[in-house]
Protein backbone atom coordinates (compact mmCIF):
# COMPACT_ATOMS: atom_id res chain seq x y z
CA MET A 1 198.42 86.77 119.11
CA ALA A 2 195.10 85.99 120.79
CA ALA A 3 191.89 86.73 118.93
CA ALA A 4 189.90 89.65 120.25
CA ARG A 5 186.60 88.69 121.84
CA ARG A 6 183.52 90.46 120.69
CA THR A 7 181.18 91.44 123.43
CA THR A 8 177.67 92.49 122.76
CA THR A 9 175.75 94.15 125.49
CA ARG A 10 172.06 93.54 125.69
CA PRO A 11 169.93 96.53 126.55
CA LYS A 12 169.21 96.71 130.25
CA ARG A 13 165.73 95.73 131.46
CA GLU A 14 164.16 98.75 133.17
CA LYS A 15 160.94 99.17 135.08
CA ILE A 16 159.42 102.16 133.33
CA VAL A 17 155.84 102.04 134.63
CA ASP A 18 155.02 101.48 138.30
CA GLN A 19 151.62 102.94 139.01
CA THR A 20 149.03 102.22 141.70
CA LEU A 21 145.70 104.04 141.73
CA HIS A 22 143.73 103.96 144.98
CA LEU A 23 140.06 104.06 144.02
CA SER A 24 137.43 105.96 145.93
CA GLY A 25 133.66 106.28 146.08
CA ARG A 26 131.85 102.99 145.47
CA ARG A 27 135.18 101.26 145.03
CA ARG A 28 136.92 102.67 148.09
CA GLY A 29 139.69 100.29 149.13
CA ALA A 30 140.17 98.92 145.62
CA LEU A 31 143.31 99.36 143.50
CA LEU A 32 144.32 99.48 139.86
CA LYS A 33 147.96 98.53 139.36
CA GLU A 34 150.24 98.59 136.34
CA GLU A 35 153.90 97.59 136.23
CA VAL A 36 155.88 97.34 133.00
CA TRP A 37 159.53 96.54 132.34
CA TYR A 38 161.06 97.49 128.99
CA GLN A 39 164.14 96.19 127.28
CA GLY A 40 165.31 97.53 123.95
CA GLY A 41 162.15 99.61 123.52
CA ARG A 42 159.61 96.83 124.03
CA ALA A 43 157.61 95.59 126.99
CA VAL A 44 159.22 92.36 128.19
CA LYS A 45 157.51 91.96 131.56
CA TYR A 46 154.18 93.31 132.74
CA SER A 47 151.50 93.07 135.39
CA LEU A 48 148.04 94.65 135.26
CA ALA A 49 145.59 94.17 138.13
CA TYR A 50 142.22 95.27 139.46
CA ILE A 51 142.23 94.44 143.16
CA ASN A 52 139.11 94.75 145.28
CA PRO A 53 138.91 92.58 148.42
CA HIS A 54 135.26 93.62 148.89
CA VAL A 55 134.41 91.87 145.60
CA CYS A 56 136.90 88.99 145.53
CA GLY A 57 137.95 87.00 148.57
CA VAL A 58 140.61 84.88 146.81
CA ASP A 59 143.97 85.64 145.15
CA ASN A 60 144.64 88.52 147.57
CA GLY A 61 141.56 90.35 146.30
CA ARG A 62 142.65 90.30 142.65
CA VAL A 63 139.43 90.41 140.67
CA LEU A 64 141.17 90.66 137.30
CA GLY A 65 144.80 90.62 136.27
CA TYR A 66 147.18 89.95 133.41
CA ASP A 67 150.88 89.17 133.65
CA ASN A 68 153.65 87.17 132.04
CA THR A 69 155.44 85.77 135.06
CA HIS A 70 156.06 82.04 135.39
CA GLU A 71 157.24 81.97 131.74
CA TYR A 72 153.82 82.34 130.12
CA ARG A 73 151.19 85.00 129.48
CA HIS A 74 148.05 84.54 131.50
CA ARG A 75 144.86 86.06 132.89
CA HIS A 76 143.70 85.92 136.50
CA PHE A 77 139.98 86.17 137.17
CA ARG A 78 138.61 85.68 140.68
CA GLY A 79 141.16 83.03 141.58
CA GLU A 80 141.19 81.21 138.25
CA VAL A 81 144.18 81.39 135.87
CA GLU A 82 144.14 80.78 132.12
CA GLU A 83 146.73 81.17 129.39
CA ILE A 84 146.02 83.95 126.86
CA GLU A 85 146.94 84.81 123.31
CA PHE A 86 149.17 87.89 123.31
CA ARG A 87 148.78 90.44 120.52
CA GLY A 88 150.99 93.14 121.98
CA TYR A 89 151.06 95.12 125.17
CA GLN A 90 148.85 97.99 123.99
CA ALA A 91 146.15 95.54 122.84
CA LEU A 92 146.35 93.87 126.25
CA VAL A 93 145.92 97.20 128.06
CA ALA A 94 142.83 97.94 125.92
CA ARG A 95 141.41 94.49 126.75
CA PHE A 96 142.09 95.00 130.47
CA GLU A 97 140.44 98.43 130.51
CA HIS A 98 137.39 97.11 128.63
CA GLU A 99 137.00 94.22 131.09
CA VAL A 100 137.44 96.44 134.14
CA HIS A 101 134.72 98.82 132.91
CA ALA A 102 132.39 95.87 132.27
CA LEU A 103 133.09 94.57 135.80
CA TRP A 104 132.36 97.98 137.29
CA LYS A 105 129.08 98.19 135.39
CA ALA A 106 128.09 94.74 136.70
CA GLU A 107 129.06 95.73 140.25
CA GLU A 108 126.89 98.86 140.02
CA GLU A 109 123.95 96.86 138.67
CA ASP A 110 124.31 94.40 141.55
CA GLU A 111 124.30 97.27 144.06
CA GLU A 112 121.13 98.73 142.53
CA LYS A 113 119.33 95.39 142.90
CA ARG A 114 119.97 95.33 146.66
């Protein structure tokens, strides 16, 4: 009699968040994007981006972004890429939001100087 094979099914990876916000006013033409894939109740793949081609002419207009493609977690900033320490997805979202608000403040200060 042949031994029965045990099969374990891994939870399916699902894209749960797919959101693009089209900004207006001073940032007309800019985007905030968030995509998150979950597997087994945790974020396993993500991409956060602030895209504004009026501010950044490289990396398809991505001023700031975080993702974990290419097998490592990294930060994009105006065309430069650096590896980051990851402390969880929610902490990363808080960091991203803080940096975006600081960038917006700097953009507004630059506009006022003109």
